[in-house]
């Protein structure tokens, strides 16, 4: 309730609240404030003000727990919808629905310093693709 009271009510924060790596399940596994992982979801989402969890491992446990709680509780379902609205609002604010992510063909790329066509080594392309895949979160 502290996050809701301070952030949402006192400070009138309307933005998105995101947890760090595994923090929701850490309420059970590390902090021992709840008896199980599902109660950790309830505590952080229903009783807290978390909108998005940056789950890095065990995504099935997170999704299965969320689905069970959404199916069981209309109040929890509405709380999840509230978070979804915040995520969509942020994406709209950042123009993520209007942006085009189409890339130019590599043969159209020019080195602005050299002013001519450049050849991009295949290894660089592979590394760029790997970094892009790892950085996509929204």
C-alpha atoms as a PDB file:
ATOM      1  CA  UNK A   1       0.000   0.000   0.000  1.00  0.00           C
ATOM      2  CA  UNK A   2       2.970   2.315   0.524  1.00  0.00           C
ATOM      3  CA  UNK A   3       3.698   2.684  -3.197  1.00  0.00           C
ATOM      4  CA  UNK A   4       0.072   3.399  -3.979  1.00  0.00           C
ATOM      5  CA  UNK A   5      -0.297   5.875  -1.118  1.00  0.00           C
ATOM      6  CA  UNK A   6       2.954   7.779  -1.683  1.00  0.00           C
ATOM      7  CA  UNK A   7       3.388   7.595  -5.456  1.00  0.00           C
ATOM      8  CA  UNK A   8      -0.157   7.623  -6.752  1.00  0.00           C
ATOM      9  CA  UNK A   9      -2.076   9.500  -4.050  1.00  0.00           C
ATOM     10  CA  UNK A  10       0.387  11.919  -2.440  1.00  0.00           C
ATOM     11  CA  UNK A  11       2.718  12.615  -5.371  1.00  0.00           C
ATOM     12  CA  UNK A  12       0.015  12.103  -8.052  1.00  0.00           C
ATOM     13  CA  UNK A  13       2.402   9.974 -10.130  1.00  0.00           C
ATOM     14  CA  UNK A  14       0.524   8.776 -13.220  1.00  0.00           C
ATOM     15  CA  UNK A  15       3.410   6.983 -14.916  1.00  0.00           C
ATOM     16  CA  UNK A  16       4.535   3.401 -15.208  1.00  0.00           C
ATOM     17  CA  UNK A  17       6.126   1.588 -12.280  1.00  0.00           C
ATOM     18  CA  UNK A  18       8.519  -1.183 -13.333  1.00  0.00           C
ATOM     19  CA  UNK A  19      10.236  -3.771 -11.156  1.00  0.00           C
ATOM     20  CA  UNK A  20      13.781  -4.903 -11.628  1.00  0.00           C
ATOM     21  CA  UNK A  21      14.994  -8.441 -12.273  1.00  0.00           C
ATOM     22  CA  UNK A  22      12.996 -11.033 -10.305  1.00  0.00           C
ATOM     23  CA  UNK A  23      11.902  -8.545  -7.615  1.00  0.00           C
ATOM     24  CA  UNK A  24       8.288  -9.684  -7.439  1.00  0.00           C
ATOM     25  CA  UNK A  25       9.248 -13.279  -6.666  1.00  0.00           C
ATOM     26  CA  UNK A  26      11.914 -11.992  -4.274  1.00  0.00           C
ATOM     27  CA  UNK A  27       9.072 -10.905  -1.995  1.00  0.00           C
ATOM     28  CA  UNK A  28       8.642 -14.637  -1.352  1.00  0.00           C
ATOM     29  CA  UNK A  29      12.143 -16.034  -1.906  1.00  0.00           C
ATOM     30  CA  UNK A  30      14.319 -13.346  -0.358  1.00  0.00           C
ATOM     31  CA  UNK A  31      12.238 -10.949   1.751  1.00  0.00           C
ATOM     32  CA  UNK A  32       9.756 -13.584   3.013  1.00  0.00           C
ATOM     33  CA  UNK A  33       6.854 -11.129   3.185  1.00  0.00           C
ATOM     34  CA  UNK A  34       4.411 -13.570   1.550  1.00  0.00           C
ATOM     35  CA  UNK A  35       3.838 -17.349   1.819  1.00  0.00           C
ATOM     36  CA  UNK A  36       4.179 -18.147  -1.925  1.00  0.00           C
ATOM     37  CA  UNK A  37       4.850 -16.732  -5.406  1.00  0.00           C
ATOM     38  CA  UNK A  38       1.187 -16.096  -6.228  1.00  0.00           C
ATOM     39  CA  UNK A  39       0.847 -13.985  -3.095  1.00  0.00           C
ATOM     40  CA  UNK A  40       3.963 -12.100  -4.207  1.00  0.00           C
ATOM     41  CA  UNK A  41       2.090 -11.248  -7.420  1.00  0.00           C
ATOM     42  CA  UNK A  42      -0.938 -10.125  -5.420  1.00  0.00           C
ATOM     43  CA  UNK A  43       1.168  -8.024  -3.057  1.00  0.00           C
ATOM     44  CA  UNK A  44       3.110  -6.238  -5.780  1.00  0.00           C
ATOM     45  CA  UNK A  45       0.298  -5.715  -8.279  1.00  0.00           C
ATOM     46  CA  UNK A  46      -2.939  -5.478  -6.292  1.00  0.00           C
ATOM     47  CA  UNK A  47      -1.652  -4.100  -3.026  1.00  0.00           C
ATOM     48  CA  UNK A  48       1.227  -2.201  -4.578  1.00  0.00           C
ATOM     49  CA  UNK A  49       1.371  -0.188  -7.724  1.00  0.00           C
ATOM     50  CA  UNK A  50       3.642  -2.260  -9.997  1.00  0.00           C
ATOM     51  CA  UNK A  51       2.657  -2.101 -13.662  1.00  0.00           C
ATOM     52  CA  UNK A  52       5.404  -4.128 -15.340  1.00  0.00           C
ATOM     53  CA  UNK A  53       7.809  -6.797 -14.167  1.00  0.00           C
ATOM     54  CA  UNK A  54      11.128  -7.237 -15.910  1.00  0.00           C
ATOM     55  CA  UNK A  55      11.178 -11.001 -15.476  1.00  0.00           C
ATOM     56  CA  UNK A  56      14.471 -12.444 -16.590  1.00  0.00           C
ATOM     57  CA  UNK A  57      13.998 -16.059 -15.666  1.00  0.00           C
ATOM     58  CA  UNK A  58      11.105 -18.394 -14.979  1.00  0.00           C
ATOM     59  CA  UNK A  59       8.601 -16.496 -17.164  1.00  0.00           C
ATOM     60  CA  UNK A  60       6.202 -19.458 -17.147  1.00  0.00           C
ATOM     61  CA  UNK A  61       5.781 -19.214 -13.366  1.00  0.00           C
ATOM     62  CA  UNK A  62       5.010 -15.516 -13.686  1.00  0.00           C
ATOM     63  CA  UNK A  63       2.536 -15.892 -16.569  1.00  0.00           C
ATOM     64  CA  UNK A  64       0.802 -18.950 -15.083  1.00  0.00           C
ATOM     65  CA  UNK A  65       0.433 -17.223 -11.727  1.00  0.00           C
ATOM     66  CA  UNK A  66      -0.914 -14.069 -13.345  1.00  0.00           C
ATOM     67  CA  UNK A  67      -3.389 -16.054 -15.461  1.00  0.00           C
ATOM     68  CA  UNK A  68      -4.679 -17.976 -12.431  1.00  0.00           C
ATOM     69  CA  UNK A  69      -5.165 -14.751 -10.470  1.00  0.00           C
ATOM     70  CA  UNK A  70      -6.853 -12.967 -13.390  1.00  0.00           C
ATOM     71  CA  UNK A  71      -9.206 -15.932 -13.894  1.00  0.00           C
ATOM     72  CA  UNK A  72     -10.014 -16.101 -10.177  1.00  0.00           C
ATOM     73  CA  UNK A  73     -10.447 -12.448  -9.280  1.00  0.00           C
ATOM     74  CA  UNK A  74     -12.344  -9.726 -11.162  1.00  0.00           C
ATOM     75  CA  UNK A  75     -10.602  -7.107  -8.984  1.00  0.00           C
ATOM     76  CA  UNK A  76      -7.169  -8.457  -9.933  1.00  0.00           C
ATOM     77  CA  UNK A  77      -8.230  -8.528 -13.598  1.00  0.00           C
ATOM     78  CA  UNK A  78      -9.227  -4.850 -13.422  1.00  0.00           C
ATOM     79  CA  UNK A  79      -5.914  -3.988 -11.738  1.00  0.00           C
ATOM     80  CA  UNK A  80      -4.019  -5.702 -14.586  1.00  0.00           C
ATOM     81  CA  UNK A  81      -6.119  -3.742 -17.106  1.00  0.00           C
ATOM     82  CA  UNK A  82      -5.159  -0.540 -15.311  1.00  0.00           C
ATOM     83  CA  UNK A  83      -1.491  -1.437 -15.750  1.00  0.00           C
ATOM     84  CA  UNK A  84      -2.058  -2.319 -19.408  1.00  0.00           C
ATOM     85  CA  UNK A  85      -3.593   1.131 -19.917  1.00  0.00           C
ATOM     86  CA  UNK A  86      -0.480   2.727 -18.397  1.00  0.00           C
ATOM     87  CA  UNK A  87       1.820   0.695 -20.668  1.00  0.00           C
ATOM     88  CA  UNK A  88      -0.204   1.621 -23.748  1.00  0.00           C
ATOM     89  CA  UNK A  89      -0.289   5.280 -22.691  1.00  0.00           C
ATOM     90  CA  UNK A  90       3.495   5.331 -22.368  1.00  0.00           C
ATOM     91  CA  UNK A  91       3.903   3.709 -25.780  1.00  0.00           C
ATOM     92  CA  UNK A  92       1.561   6.306 -27.265  1.00  0.00           C
ATOM     93  CA  UNK A  93       3.431   9.152 -25.551  1.00  0.00           C
ATOM     94  CA  UNK A  94       6.698   7.824 -26.980  1.00  0.00           C
ATOM     95  CA  UNK A  95       5.117   7.534 -30.469  1.00  0.00           C
ATOM     96  CA  UNK A  96       5.853   3.826 -30.531  1.00  0.00           C
ATOM     97  CA  UNK A  97       2.697   3.143 -32.546  1.00  0.00           C
ATOM     98  CA  UNK A  98       3.713   5.564 -35.308  1.00  0.00           C
ATOM     99  CA  UNK A  99       7.405   4.733 -35.625  1.00  0.00           C
ATOM    100  CA  UNK A 100       8.620   2.700 -38.536  1.00  0.00           C
ATOM    101  CA  UNK A 101      11.257   0.156 -37.726  1.00  0.00           C
ATOM    102  CA  UNK A 102      12.013  -0.678 -41.325  1.00  0.00           C
ATOM    103  CA  UNK A 103      15.684  -0.557 -42.083  1.00  0.00           C
ATOM    104  CA  UNK A 104      17.293   0.694 -45.258  1.00  0.00           C
ATOM    105  CA  UNK A 105      18.972  -1.952 -47.397  1.00  0.00           C
ATOM    106  CA  UNK A 106      22.629  -2.249 -46.476  1.00  0.00           C
ATOM    107  CA  UNK A 107      23.731  -1.302 -49.964  1.00  0.00           C
ATOM    108  CA  UNK A 108      21.981   2.083 -49.475  1.00  0.00           C
ATOM    109  CA  UNK A 109      23.990   2.862 -46.349  1.00  0.00           C
ATOM    110  CA  UNK A 110      26.784   5.400 -46.654  1.00  0.00           C
ATOM    111  CA  UNK A 111      29.600   6.351 -44.366  1.00  0.00           C
ATOM    112  CA  UNK A 112      28.854  10.017 -43.683  1.00  0.00           C
ATOM    113  CA  UNK A 113      32.490  10.699 -42.814  1.00  0.00           C
ATOM    114  CA  UNK A 114      33.835   9.127 -45.980  1.00  0.00           C
ATOM    115  CA  UNK A 115      30.908  10.198 -48.155  1.00  0.00           C
ATOM    116  CA  UNK A 116      30.874   6.916 -50.008  1.00  0.00           C
ATOM    117  CA  UNK A 117      29.443   3.445 -49.820  1.00  0.00           C
ATOM    118  CA  UNK A 118      30.839   1.322 -47.012  1.00  0.00           C
ATOM    119  CA  UNK A 119      31.066  -2.399 -46.632  1.00  0.00           C
ATOM    120  CA  UNK A 120      29.791  -3.674 -43.314  1.00  0.00           C
ATOM    121  CA  UNK A 121      31.578  -6.837 -42.185  1.00  0.00           C
ATOM    122  CA  UNK A 122      29.251  -9.804 -41.609  1.00  0.00           C
ATOM    123  CA  UNK A 123      30.544 -10.234 -38.055  1.00  0.00           C
ATOM    124  CA  UNK A 124      29.519  -6.624 -37.249  1.00  0.00           C
ATOM    125  CA  UNK A 125      26.050  -7.305 -38.633  1.00  0.00           C
ATOM    126  CA  UNK A 126      25.718 -10.440 -36.521  1.00  0.00           C
ATOM    127  CA  UNK A 127      26.806  -8.587 -33.374  1.00  0.00           C
ATOM    128  CA  UNK A 128      24.406  -5.706 -34.118  1.00  0.00           C
ATOM    129  CA  UNK A 129      21.544  -8.151 -34.594  1.00  0.00           C
ATOM    130  CA  UNK A 130      22.401  -9.945 -31.352  1.00  0.00           C
ATOM    131  CA  UNK A 131      22.521  -6.656 -29.385  1.00  0.00           C
ATOM    132  CA  UNK A 132      19.207  -5.549 -30.915  1.00  0.00           C
ATOM    133  CA  UNK A 133      17.471  -8.778 -29.992  1.00  0.00           C
ATOM    134  CA  UNK A 134      18.746  -8.539 -26.409  1.00  0.00           C
ATOM    135  CA  UNK A 135      17.684  -4.917 -26.005  1.00  0.00           C
ATOM    136  CA  UNK A 136      14.060  -5.162 -27.168  1.00  0.00           C
ATOM    137  CA  UNK A 137      11.811  -4.948 -24.110  1.00  0.00           C
ATOM    138  CA  UNK A 138       8.592  -3.161 -25.055  1.00  0.00           C
END
